[in-house]
C-alpha atoms as a PDB file:
ATOM      1  CA  MET A   1       0.000   0.000   0.000  1.00  0.00           C
ATOM      2  CA  LYS A   2       1.183   3.479  -0.865  1.00  0.00           C
ATOM      3  CA  ALA A   3       1.175   6.495   1.481  1.00  0.00           C
ATOM      4  CA  PHE A   4       1.759   9.992   0.126  1.00  0.00           C
ATOM      5  CA  VAL A   5       3.098  12.446   2.698  1.00  0.00           C
ATOM      6  CA  PHE A   6       3.529  16.229   2.648  1.00  0.00           C
ATOM      7  CA  PRO A   7       6.113  18.382   4.476  1.00  0.00           C
ATOM      8  CA  GLY A   8       5.594  21.410   6.686  1.00  0.00           C
ATOM      9  CA  GLN A   9       7.218  24.768   7.276  1.00  0.00           C
ATOM     10  CA  GLY A  10      11.006  24.664   7.096  1.00  0.00           C
ATOM     11  CA  ALA A  11      11.185  22.668   3.861  1.00  0.00           C
ATOM     12  CA  GLN A  12      11.295  25.794   1.661  1.00  0.00           C
ATOM     13  CA  PHE A  13      14.287  26.740  -0.488  1.00  0.00           C
ATOM     14  CA  PRO A  14      15.036  29.510  -3.035  1.00  0.00           C
ATOM     15  CA  GLY A  15      13.938  28.540  -6.543  1.00  0.00           C
ATOM     16  CA  MET A  16      11.302  26.091  -5.301  1.00  0.00           C
ATOM     17  CA  GLY A  17       8.682  25.216  -7.898  1.00  0.00           C
ATOM     18  CA  LYS A  18      10.345  26.993 -10.812  1.00  0.00           C
ATOM     19  CA  ASP A  19      11.006  23.726 -12.642  1.00  0.00           C
ATOM     20  CA  LEU A  20       7.338  22.724 -12.290  1.00  0.00           C
ATOM     21  CA  TYR A  21       6.185  26.111 -13.579  1.00  0.00           C
ATOM     22  CA  GLU A  22       8.443  25.932 -16.627  1.00  0.00           C
ATOM     23  CA  SER A  23       7.739  22.311 -17.544  1.00  0.00           C
ATOM     24  CA  ASN A  24       4.036  21.751 -16.857  1.00  0.00           C
ATOM     25  CA  PRO A  25       1.094  23.820 -18.198  1.00  0.00           C
ATOM     26  CA  GLU A  26      -1.224  22.754 -15.342  1.00  0.00           C
ATOM     27  CA  ALA A  27       1.403  23.725 -12.778  1.00  0.00           C
ATOM     28  CA  ARG A  28       1.747  27.111 -14.492  1.00  0.00           C
ATOM     29  CA  ARG A  29      -2.019  27.636 -14.365  1.00  0.00           C
ATOM     30  CA  LEU A  30      -2.183  26.808 -10.658  1.00  0.00           C
ATOM     31  CA  PHE A  31       0.781  28.997  -9.725  1.00  0.00           C
ATOM     32  CA  ASP A  32      -0.761  31.918 -11.638  1.00  0.00           C
ATOM     33  CA  LYS A  33      -4.092  31.240  -9.927  1.00  0.00           C
ATOM     34  CA  ALA A  34      -2.308  31.323  -6.556  1.00  0.00           C
ATOM     35  CA  ASN A  35      -0.931  34.792  -7.268  1.00  0.00           C
ATOM     36  CA  GLU A  36      -4.505  35.983  -7.906  1.00  0.00           C
ATOM     37  CA  ILE A  37      -5.912  34.377  -4.745  1.00  0.00           C
ATOM     38  CA  LEU A  38      -3.137  35.644  -2.467  1.00  0.00           C
ATOM     39  CA  GLY A  39      -3.075  39.137  -3.934  1.00  0.00           C
ATOM     40  CA  PHE A  40       0.707  39.185  -4.298  1.00  0.00           C
ATOM     41  CA  ASP A  41       3.266  37.559  -6.594  1.00  0.00           C
ATOM     42  CA  ILE A  42       4.308  34.578  -4.464  1.00  0.00           C
ATOM     43  CA  THR A  43       5.857  32.861  -7.495  1.00  0.00           C
ATOM     44  CA  LYS A  44       8.390  35.703  -7.827  1.00  0.00           C
ATOM     45  CA  ILE A  45       9.475  35.134  -4.207  1.00  0.00           C
ATOM     46  CA  MET A  46       9.523  31.344  -4.618  1.00  0.00           C
ATOM     47  CA  PHE A  47      11.423  31.339  -7.898  1.00  0.00           C
ATOM     48  CA  ASP A  48      13.751  34.339  -7.471  1.00  0.00           C
ATOM     49  CA  GLY A  49      13.604  35.400  -3.807  1.00  0.00           C
ATOM     50  CA  THR A  50      16.206  34.943  -1.107  1.00  0.00           C
ATOM     51  CA  ALA A  51      16.121  32.394   1.718  1.00  0.00           C
ATOM     52  CA  GLU A  52      15.402  35.292   4.090  1.00  0.00           C
ATOM     53  CA  GLU A  53      12.355  36.414   2.080  1.00  0.00           C
ATOM     54  CA  LEU A  54      11.046  32.848   2.046  1.00  0.00           C
ATOM     55  CA  LYS A  55      11.295  32.604   5.851  1.00  0.00           C
ATOM     56  CA  GLU A  56       8.429  35.024   6.479  1.00  0.00           C
ATOM     57  CA  THR A  57       5.527  32.887   7.729  1.00  0.00           C
ATOM     58  CA  LYS A  58       2.924  34.496   5.450  1.00  0.00           C
ATOM     59  CA  VAL A  59       5.132  33.496   2.479  1.00  0.00           C
ATOM     60  CA  THR A  60       6.600  30.217   3.751  1.00  0.00           C
ATOM     61  CA  GLN A  61       3.372  28.373   4.434  1.00  0.00           C
ATOM     62  CA  PRO A  62       1.620  29.103   1.099  1.00  0.00           C
ATOM     63  CA  ALA A  63       4.902  28.444  -0.740  1.00  0.00           C
ATOM     64  CA  VAL A  64       5.404  24.983   0.788  1.00  0.00           C
ATOM     65  CA  PHE A  65       1.708  24.198   0.288  1.00  0.00           C
ATOM     66  CA  LEU A  66       1.838  25.199  -3.391  1.00  0.00           C
ATOM     67  CA  HIS A  67       4.997  23.229  -4.131  1.00  0.00           C
ATOM     68  CA  SER A  68       3.586  20.151  -2.379  1.00  0.00           C
ATOM     69  CA  VAL A  69       0.113  20.141  -3.922  1.00  0.00           C
ATOM     70  CA  ILE A  70       1.305  20.996  -7.419  1.00  0.00           C
ATOM     71  CA  SER A  71       3.997  18.267  -7.184  1.00  0.00           C
ATOM     72  CA  ALA A  72       1.233  15.752  -6.447  1.00  0.00           C
ATOM     73  CA  ILE A  73      -0.956  17.039  -9.288  1.00  0.00           C
ATOM     74  CA  CYS A  74       1.966  16.845 -11.730  1.00  0.00           C
ATOM     75  CA  LEU A  75       2.318  13.132 -10.945  1.00  0.00           C
ATOM     76  CA  GLY A  76      -0.919  12.546 -12.854  1.00  0.00           C
ATOM     77  CA  ASP A  77      -1.809   8.845 -12.929  1.00  0.00           C
ATOM     78  CA  LYS A  78       1.140   8.059 -10.648  1.00  0.00           C
ATOM     79  CA  PHE A  79      -0.712   9.738  -7.781  1.00  0.00           C
ATOM     80  CA  GLN A  80      -2.720   6.769  -6.499  1.00  0.00           C
ATOM     81  CA  PRO A  81      -2.722   7.017  -2.693  1.00  0.00           C
ATOM     82  CA  ASP A  82      -4.076   4.386  -0.344  1.00  0.00           C
ATOM     83  CA  MET A  83      -3.578   6.907   2.464  1.00  0.00           C
ATOM     84  CA  VAL A  84      -2.170  10.413   2.947  1.00  0.00           C
ATOM     85  CA  GLY A  85      -0.723  12.471   5.772  1.00  0.00           C
ATOM     86  CA  GLY A  86       1.128  15.720   6.295  1.00  0.00           C
ATOM     87  CA  HIS A  87       3.427  17.214   8.910  1.00  0.00           C
ATOM     88  CA  SER A  88       1.783  20.297  10.478  1.00  0.00           C
ATOM     89  CA  LEU A  89       1.123  22.641   7.520  1.00  0.00           C
ATOM     90  CA  GLY A  90       1.478  19.577   5.281  1.00  0.00           C
ATOM     91  CA  GLU A  91      -1.862  18.288   6.555  1.00  0.00           C
ATOM     92  CA  PHE A  92      -3.574  20.965   4.436  1.00  0.00           C
ATOM     93  CA  SER A  93      -1.616  19.786   1.377  1.00  0.00           C
ATOM     94  CA  ALA A  94      -2.661  16.205   2.109  1.00  0.00           C
ATOM     95  CA  LEU A  95      -6.334  17.173   2.355  1.00  0.00           C
ATOM     96  CA  VAL A  96      -6.248  18.959  -0.996  1.00  0.00           C
ATOM     97  CA  ALA A  97      -4.369  16.097  -2.659  1.00  0.00           C
ATOM     98  CA  ALA A  98      -6.951  13.621  -1.309  1.00  0.00           C
ATOM     99  CA  GLY A  99      -9.867  15.715  -2.587  1.00  0.00           C
ATOM    100  CA  ALA A 100     -11.243  16.776   0.812  1.00  0.00           C
ATOM    101  CA  LEU A 101     -10.541  20.427   0.014  1.00  0.00           C
ATOM    102  CA  SER A 102     -10.419  22.324  -3.262  1.00  0.00           C
ATOM    103  CA  PHE A 103      -7.078  23.839  -4.303  1.00  0.00           C
ATOM    104  CA  GLU A 104      -8.523  27.347  -3.919  1.00  0.00           C
ATOM    105  CA  ASP A 105     -10.026  26.743  -0.466  1.00  0.00           C
ATOM    106  CA  GLY A 106      -6.882  24.981   0.734  1.00  0.00           C
ATOM    107  CA  LEU A 107      -4.710  27.919  -0.307  1.00  0.00           C
ATOM    108  CA  ARG A 108      -7.055  30.443   1.322  1.00  0.00           C
ATOM    109  CA  LEU A 109      -7.016  28.502   4.587  1.00  0.00           C
ATOM    110  CA  VAL A 110      -3.221  28.143   4.536  1.00  0.00           C
ATOM    111  CA  SER A 111      -2.858  31.875   3.929  1.00  0.00           C
ATOM    112  CA  ALA A 112      -5.295  32.643   6.783  1.00  0.00           C
ATOM    113  CA  ARG A 113      -3.414  30.204   9.036  1.00  0.00           C
ATOM    114  CA  ALA A 114      -0.055  31.789   8.230  1.00  0.00           C
ATOM    115  CA  GLN A 115      -1.269  35.312   8.932  1.00  0.00           C
ATOM    116  CA  ALA A 116      -3.022  34.283  12.163  1.00  0.00           C
ATOM    117  CA  MET A 117       0.113  32.494  13.369  1.00  0.00           C
ATOM    118  CA  GLN A 118       2.272  35.488  12.470  1.00  0.00           C
ATOM    119  CA  LYS A 119       0.058  37.733  14.617  1.00  0.00           C
ATOM    120  CA  ALA A 120       0.184  35.297  17.527  1.00  0.00           C
ATOM    121  CA  CYS A 121       3.989  35.177  17.268  1.00  0.00           C
ATOM    122  CA  GLU A 122       4.241  38.967  17.354  1.00  0.00           C
ATOM    123  CA  ALA A 123       1.934  39.196  20.384  1.00  0.00           C
ATOM    124  CA  GLN A 124       4.325  37.327  22.689  1.00  0.00           C
ATOM    125  CA  PRO A 125       8.023  36.425  22.432  1.00  0.00           C
ATOM    126  CA  SER A 126       8.223  32.658  22.039  1.00  0.00           C
ATOM    127  CA  THR A 127      10.323  30.010  20.353  1.00  0.00           C
ATOM    128  CA  MET A 128      10.985  26.311  19.727  1.00  0.00           C
ATOM    129  CA  ALA A 129      13.955  23.963  20.208  1.00  0.00           C
ATOM    130  CA  ALA A 130      14.940  20.559  18.844  1.00  0.00           C
ATOM    131  CA  ILE A 131      15.891  17.958  21.453  1.00  0.00           C
ATOM    132  CA  ILE A 132      18.093  15.164  20.125  1.00  0.00           C
ATOM    133  CA  ALA A 133      18.725  11.712  21.612  1.00  0.00           C
ATOM    134  CA  LEU A 134      16.515  11.671  24.705  1.00  0.00           C
ATOM    135  CA  PRO A 135      13.488   9.439  25.383  1.00  0.00           C
ATOM    136  CA  ASP A 136      10.173  11.215  24.822  1.00  0.00           C
ATOM    137  CA  GLU A 137       9.188  10.539  28.438  1.00  0.00           C
ATOM    138  CA  THR A 138      12.214  12.437  29.765  1.00  0.00           C
ATOM    139  CA  VAL A 139      11.468  15.431  27.553  1.00  0.00           C
ATOM    140  CA  GLU A 140       7.799  15.385  28.587  1.00  0.00           C
ATOM    141  CA  GLN A 141       8.698  15.277  32.289  1.00  0.00           C
ATOM    142  CA  ILE A 142      11.165  18.177  32.123  1.00  0.00           C
ATOM    143  CA  CYS A 143       8.754  20.262  30.017  1.00  0.00           C
ATOM    144  CA  ALA A 144       6.045  19.710  32.641  1.00  0.00           C
ATOM    145  CA  GLU A 145       8.397  20.809  35.432  1.00  0.00           C
ATOM    146  CA  VAL A 146       9.512  23.950  33.585  1.00  0.00           C
ATOM    147  CA  SER A 147       5.924  24.827  32.642  1.00  0.00           C
ATOM    148  CA  LYS A 148       4.909  24.840  36.309  1.00  0.00           C
ATOM    149  CA  GLU A 149       7.804  27.094  37.253  1.00  0.00           C
ATOM    150  CA  MET A 150       8.304  29.460  34.320  1.00  0.00           C
ATOM    151  CA  GLY A 151       5.471  29.409  31.793  1.00  0.00           C
ATOM    152  CA  VAL A 152       4.528  27.515  28.649  1.00  0.00           C
ATOM    153  CA  CYS A 153       6.948  24.739  27.653  1.00  0.00           C
ATOM    154  CA  VAL A 154       5.436  21.761  25.842  1.00  0.00           C
ATOM    155  CA  PRO A 155       6.375  18.938  23.445  1.00  0.00           C
ATOM    156  CA  ALA A 156       5.359  20.212  19.996  1.00  0.00           C
ATOM    157  CA  ASN A 157       6.614  17.838  17.292  1.00  0.00           C
ATOM    158  CA  TYR A 158       7.166  14.111  17.856  1.00  0.00           C
ATOM    159  CA  ASN A 159       9.257  13.832  14.678  1.00  0.00           C
ATOM    160  CA  CYS A 160      10.877  10.412  15.125  1.00  0.00           C
ATOM    161  CA  PRO A 161      12.534   8.377  17.890  1.00  0.00           C
ATOM    162  CA  GLY A 162      15.191  10.555  19.488  1.00  0.00           C
ATOM    163  CA  GLN A 163      13.980  13.799  17.918  1.00  0.00           C
ATOM    164  CA  LEU A 164      11.346  15.853  19.694  1.00  0.00           C
ATOM    165  CA  VAL A 165      10.768  19.594  19.238  1.00  0.00           C
ATOM    166  CA  ILE A 166       9.593  21.647  22.227  1.00  0.00           C
ATOM    167  CA  SER A 167       7.706  24.936  22.091  1.00  0.00           C
ATOM    168  CA  GLY A 168       6.870  27.793  24.427  1.00  0.00           C
ATOM    169  CA  ALA A 169       7.927  31.055  26.075  1.00  0.00           C
ATOM    170  CA  VAL A 170      11.547  32.059  25.365  1.00  0.00           C
ATOM    171  CA  GLU A 171      12.797  31.910  28.973  1.00  0.00           C
ATOM    172  CA  ALA A 172      11.036  28.603  29.600  1.00  0.00           C
ATOM    173  CA  ILE A 173      12.503  27.002  26.477  1.00  0.00           C
ATOM    174  CA  ASN A 174      16.012  28.235  27.351  1.00  0.00           C
ATOM    175  CA  GLU A 175      15.696  26.753  30.845  1.00  0.00           C
ATOM    176  CA  ALA A 176      14.323  23.488  29.467  1.00  0.00           C
ATOM    177  CA  CYS A 177      17.256  23.236  27.032  1.00  0.00           C
ATOM    178  CA  SER A 178      19.723  23.568  29.935  1.00  0.00           C
ATOM    179  CA  ARG A 179      17.953  20.885  31.948  1.00  0.00           C
ATOM    180  CA  LEU A 180      17.593  18.557  28.975  1.00  0.00           C
ATOM    181  CA  LYS A 181      21.306  18.804  28.198  1.00  0.00           C
ATOM    182  CA  ALA A 182      22.029  17.992  31.828  1.00  0.00           C
ATOM    183  CA  ALA A 183      19.694  14.999  31.486  1.00  0.00           C
ATOM    184  CA  GLY A 184      21.778  13.652  28.605  1.00  0.00           C
ATOM    185  CA  ALA A 185      20.408  15.214  25.420  1.00  0.00           C
ATOM    186  CA  LYS A 186      22.993  15.062  22.641  1.00  0.00           C
ATOM    187  CA  ARG A 187      21.719  18.458  21.491  1.00  0.00           C
ATOM    188  CA  ALA A 188      19.112  20.953  22.676  1.00  0.00           C
ATOM    189  CA  LEU A 189      19.074  23.416  19.834  1.00  0.00           C
ATOM    190  CA  PRO A 190      16.911  26.584  19.709  1.00  0.00           C
ATOM    191  CA  LEU A 191      15.312  26.899  16.263  1.00  0.00           C
ATOM    192  CA  ALA A 192      15.170  30.001  14.051  1.00  0.00           C
ATOM    193  CA  VAL A 193      11.378  30.220  14.035  1.00  0.00           C
ATOM    194  CA  GLY A 194       8.940  33.073  14.551  1.00  0.00           C
ATOM    195  CA  GLY A 195       7.218  31.672  17.604  1.00  0.00           C
ATOM    196  CA  ALA A 196       5.870  28.778  19.647  1.00  0.00           C
ATOM    197  CA  PHE A 197       3.975  26.743  17.066  1.00  0.00           C
ATOM    198  CA  HIS A 198       1.824  23.848  18.331  1.00  0.00           C
ATOM    199  CA  SER A 199       1.625  25.238  21.859  1.00  0.00           C
ATOM    200  CA  PRO A 200      -1.065  27.010  23.922  1.00  0.00           C
ATOM    201  CA  LEU A 201       0.513  30.322  22.828  1.00  0.00           C
ATOM    202  CA  MET A 202      -1.115  29.743  19.421  1.00  0.00           C
ATOM    203  CA  GLN A 203      -4.621  30.002  20.948  1.00  0.00           C
ATOM    204  CA  PRO A 204      -5.373  33.420  19.324  1.00  0.00           C
ATOM    205  CA  ALA A 205      -4.436  31.951  15.922  1.00  0.00           C
ATOM    206  CA  LYS A 206      -6.601  28.889  16.609  1.00  0.00           C
ATOM    207  CA  ASP A 207      -9.598  31.086  17.435  1.00  0.00           C
ATOM    208  CA  GLU A 208      -9.093  33.070  14.232  1.00  0.00           C
ATOM    209  CA  LEU A 209      -8.604  30.040  12.001  1.00  0.00           C
ATOM    210  CA  GLN A 210     -11.541  28.132  13.492  1.00  0.00           C
ATOM    211  CA  ALA A 211     -14.073  30.491  11.915  1.00  0.00           C
ATOM    212  CA  ALA A 212     -12.415  30.173   8.491  1.00  0.00           C
ATOM    213  CA  ILE A 213     -12.293  26.356   8.666  1.00  0.00           C
ATOM    214  CA  GLU A 214     -15.890  26.057   9.831  1.00  0.00           C
ATOM    215  CA  ALA A 215     -17.030  28.273   6.941  1.00  0.00           C
ATOM    216  CA  THR A 216     -15.199  26.133   4.353  1.00  0.00           C
ATOM    217  CA  GLU A 217     -16.668  23.107   2.568  1.00  0.00           C
ATOM    218  CA  PHE A 218     -14.846  19.861   3.297  1.00  0.00           C
ATOM    219  CA  ARG A 219     -15.672  16.711   1.307  1.00  0.00           C
ATOM    220  CA  THR A 220     -15.060  13.052   2.075  1.00  0.00           C
ATOM    221  CA  PRO A 221     -11.459  12.330   0.978  1.00  0.00           C
ATOM    222  CA  GLN A 222     -10.722   9.668  -1.641  1.00  0.00           C
ATOM    223  CA  CYS A 223      -8.636   7.772   0.932  1.00  0.00           C
ATOM    224  CA  PRO A 224      -8.008   7.936   4.706  1.00  0.00           C
ATOM    225  CA  VAL A 225      -6.213  11.067   5.928  1.00  0.00           C
ATOM    226  CA  TYR A 226      -3.946  10.505   8.918  1.00  0.00           C
ATOM    227  CA  GLN A 227      -4.002  13.583  11.175  1.00  0.00           C
ATOM    228  CA  ASN A 228      -1.425  15.055  13.537  1.00  0.00           C
ATOM    229  CA  VAL A 229      -3.499  15.503  16.686  1.00  0.00           C
ATOM    230  CA  ASP A 230      -4.042  11.786  17.290  1.00  0.00           C
ATOM    231  CA  GLY A 231      -1.980  10.050  14.586  1.00  0.00           C
ATOM    232  CA  LYS A 232      -5.087   8.208  13.377  1.00  0.00           C
ATOM    233  CA  ALA A 233      -6.933   7.822  10.067  1.00  0.00           C
ATOM    234  CA  HIS A 234      -9.980   9.992   9.402  1.00  0.00           C
ATOM    235  CA  THR A 235     -12.497  10.210   6.549  1.00  0.00           C
ATOM    236  CA  GLU A 236     -15.436  12.084   8.129  1.00  0.00           C
ATOM    237  CA  PRO A 237     -15.365  15.791   7.100  1.00  0.00           C
ATOM    238  CA  ALA A 238     -16.651  17.055  10.472  1.00  0.00           C
ATOM    239  CA  GLU A 239     -13.916  15.136  12.332  1.00  0.00           C
ATOM    240  CA  ILE A 240     -11.250  16.304   9.909  1.00  0.00           C
ATOM    241  CA  LYS A 241     -12.286  19.933  10.485  1.00  0.00           C
ATOM    242  CA  GLN A 242     -12.137  19.648  14.273  1.00  0.00           C
ATOM    243  CA  ASN A 243      -8.729  17.949  14.177  1.00  0.00           C
ATOM    244  CA  LEU A 244      -7.403  20.642  11.842  1.00  0.00           C
ATOM    245  CA  ILE A 245      -8.565  23.360  14.242  1.00  0.00           C
ATOM    246  CA  ALA A 246      -7.083  21.559  17.263  1.00  0.00           C
ATOM    247  CA  GLN A 247      -3.770  21.090  15.460  1.00  0.00           C
ATOM    248  CA  LEU A 248      -2.593  24.676  16.020  1.00  0.00           C
ATOM    249  CA  THR A 249      -2.248  24.286  19.791  1.00  0.00           C
ATOM    250  CA  ALA A 250      -1.706  20.508  19.936  1.00  0.00           C
ATOM    251  CA  SER A 251       1.404  18.390  19.447  1.00  0.00           C
ATOM    252  CA  VAL A 252       2.227  17.028  15.987  1.00  0.00           C
ATOM    253  CA  ARG A 253       2.291  13.279  16.617  1.00  0.00           C
ATOM    254  CA  TRP A 254       4.210  12.394  13.472  1.00  0.00           C
ATOM    255  CA  THR A 255       5.928   9.330  14.919  1.00  0.00           C
ATOM    256  CA  GLN A 256       2.565   7.873  15.959  1.00  0.00           C
ATOM    257  CA  GLU A 257       1.048   8.812  12.588  1.00  0.00           C
ATOM    258  CA  VAL A 258       3.689   6.953  10.588  1.00  0.00           C
ATOM    259  CA  GLU A 259       3.453   3.970  12.934  1.00  0.00           C
ATOM    260  CA  ALA A 260      -0.323   3.879  12.344  1.00  0.00           C
ATOM    261  CA  MET A 261       0.208   3.972   8.568  1.00  0.00           C
ATOM    262  CA  LEU A 262       2.656   1.078   8.811  1.00  0.00           C
ATOM    263  CA  GLU A 263       0.173  -0.867  10.913  1.00  0.00           C
ATOM    264  CA  ALA A 264      -2.515  -0.214   8.284  1.00  0.00           C
ATOM    265  CA  GLY A 265      -0.267  -1.834   5.654  1.00  0.00           C
ATOM    266  CA  ALA A 266       1.804   1.010   4.156  1.00  0.00           C
ATOM    267  CA  THR A 267       4.787  -0.415   2.294  1.00  0.00           C
ATOM    268  CA  GLU A 268       5.788   2.684   0.300  1.00  0.00           C
ATOM    269  CA  PHE A 269       5.999   6.311   1.458  1.00  0.00           C
ATOM    270  CA  VAL A 270       6.256   9.049  -1.183  1.00  0.00           C
ATOM    271  CA  GLU A 271       7.119  12.593  -0.078  1.00  0.00           C
ATOM    272  CA  CYS A 272       5.475  15.291  -2.219  1.00  0.00           C
ATOM    273  CA  GLY A 273       6.959  18.735  -1.807  1.00  0.00           C
ATOM    274  CA  PRO A 274      10.266  20.495  -1.158  1.00  0.00           C
ATOM    275  CA  GLY A 275      13.101  18.761   0.659  1.00  0.00           C
ATOM    276  CA  LYS A 276      13.574  15.287   2.078  1.00  0.00           C
ATOM    277  CA  ALA A 277      12.923  15.872   5.791  1.00  0.00           C
ATOM    278  CA  LEU A 278      10.000  13.453   6.023  1.00  0.00           C
ATOM    279  CA  GLN A 279      11.912  10.703   4.236  1.00  0.00           C
ATOM    280  CA  GLY A 280      14.617  10.921   6.899  1.00  0.00           C
ATOM    281  CA  MET A 281      12.087  10.836   9.755  1.00  0.00           C
ATOM    282  CA  ILE A 282      10.127   7.924   8.268  1.00  0.00           C
ATOM    283  CA  SER A 283      13.309   5.887   7.763  1.00  0.00           C
ATOM    284  CA  LYS A 284      14.067   6.267  11.494  1.00  0.00           C
ATOM    285  CA  ILE A 285      10.500   5.499  12.594  1.00  0.00           C
ATOM    286  CA  ALA A 286      10.315   2.418  10.364  1.00  0.00           C
ATOM    287  CA  LYS A 287      13.857   1.238  11.067  1.00  0.00           C
ATOM    288  CA  GLY A 288      14.062  -2.497  10.554  1.00  0.00           C
ATOM    289  CA  VAL A 289      10.840  -2.789   8.519  1.00  0.00           C
ATOM    290  CA  GLU A 290      11.680  -5.123   5.642  1.00  0.00           C
ATOM    291  CA  GLY A 291      10.864  -4.198   2.050  1.00  0.00           C
ATOM    292  CA  LEU A 292       9.808  -0.632   2.901  1.00  0.00           C
ATOM    293  CA  VAL A 293      10.279   1.970   0.131  1.00  0.00           C
ATOM    294  CA  VAL A 294      10.748   5.626   1.134  1.00  0.00           C
ATOM    295  CA  CYS A 295      11.216   8.098  -1.719  1.00  0.00           C
ATOM    296  CA  GLY A 296      10.421  11.518  -3.158  1.00  0.00           C
ATOM    297  CA  ALA A 297       7.783  12.259  -5.780  1.00  0.00           C
ATOM    298  CA  THR A 298      10.423  12.811  -8.497  1.00  0.00           C
ATOM    299  CA  GLU A 299      11.627   9.219  -8.015  1.00  0.00           C
ATOM    300  CA  LEU A 300       8.316   7.679  -9.075  1.00  0.00           C
END
């Protein structure tokens, strides 16, 4: 069985999507349509902008979404998913690829999400950090201790065994990093991000996005969509909506999501979108699984 997966923020790179635009008429039409919907020339930033310009959340999220969705569309008959999933922002790409959302509605929601998150980031100094080579339980325990003493500090992204990203107030994250290093973390590395994604500090963004999601038509997807909040498969539009809303302040349970896909019979994972981050994570989650194929869309 084949699972198609879609990356999140951080996968962007200068020049992303230019090859698709130049080689595929449908890709060109969709990129041009995106410029109209967004009200600014995102393709100019994607194709010719700097890494710094691409880092701005209101640009990054639509850019990664566009590259991911259009990559899947350009596969044509090769895009035959038995299941789909996406990491954080990538969940929106997965929903569009699986037919639960239209391209236009997906892009509008991603743009609204990006702007709401940007506002939440500006409202309170906050950050994230990657914790390498510690058991999840140790990270969870230290986050809970720091949260009680200093403010928000929570596990945000369960990326793969030995890699968990934490999120919260700047001082709390700095303190947690010190304690986690003392507890044996190989690295506790603050990330260059705008704020505390997937933490309670995103509540204002969640409130703002909720209205937009509830006003948008969601259809039954063509295959199960595995969602971040619980790592489980969903096909009911009302459930998918609620999980998408909850995702902004909840942990991304990517490890559990991939494990659930494997349990459901996934034997091939195809990453659609920029970069290879998900391929690396999946290879670590599925370490030792015989006959598993993990590849990018261009390798099909």
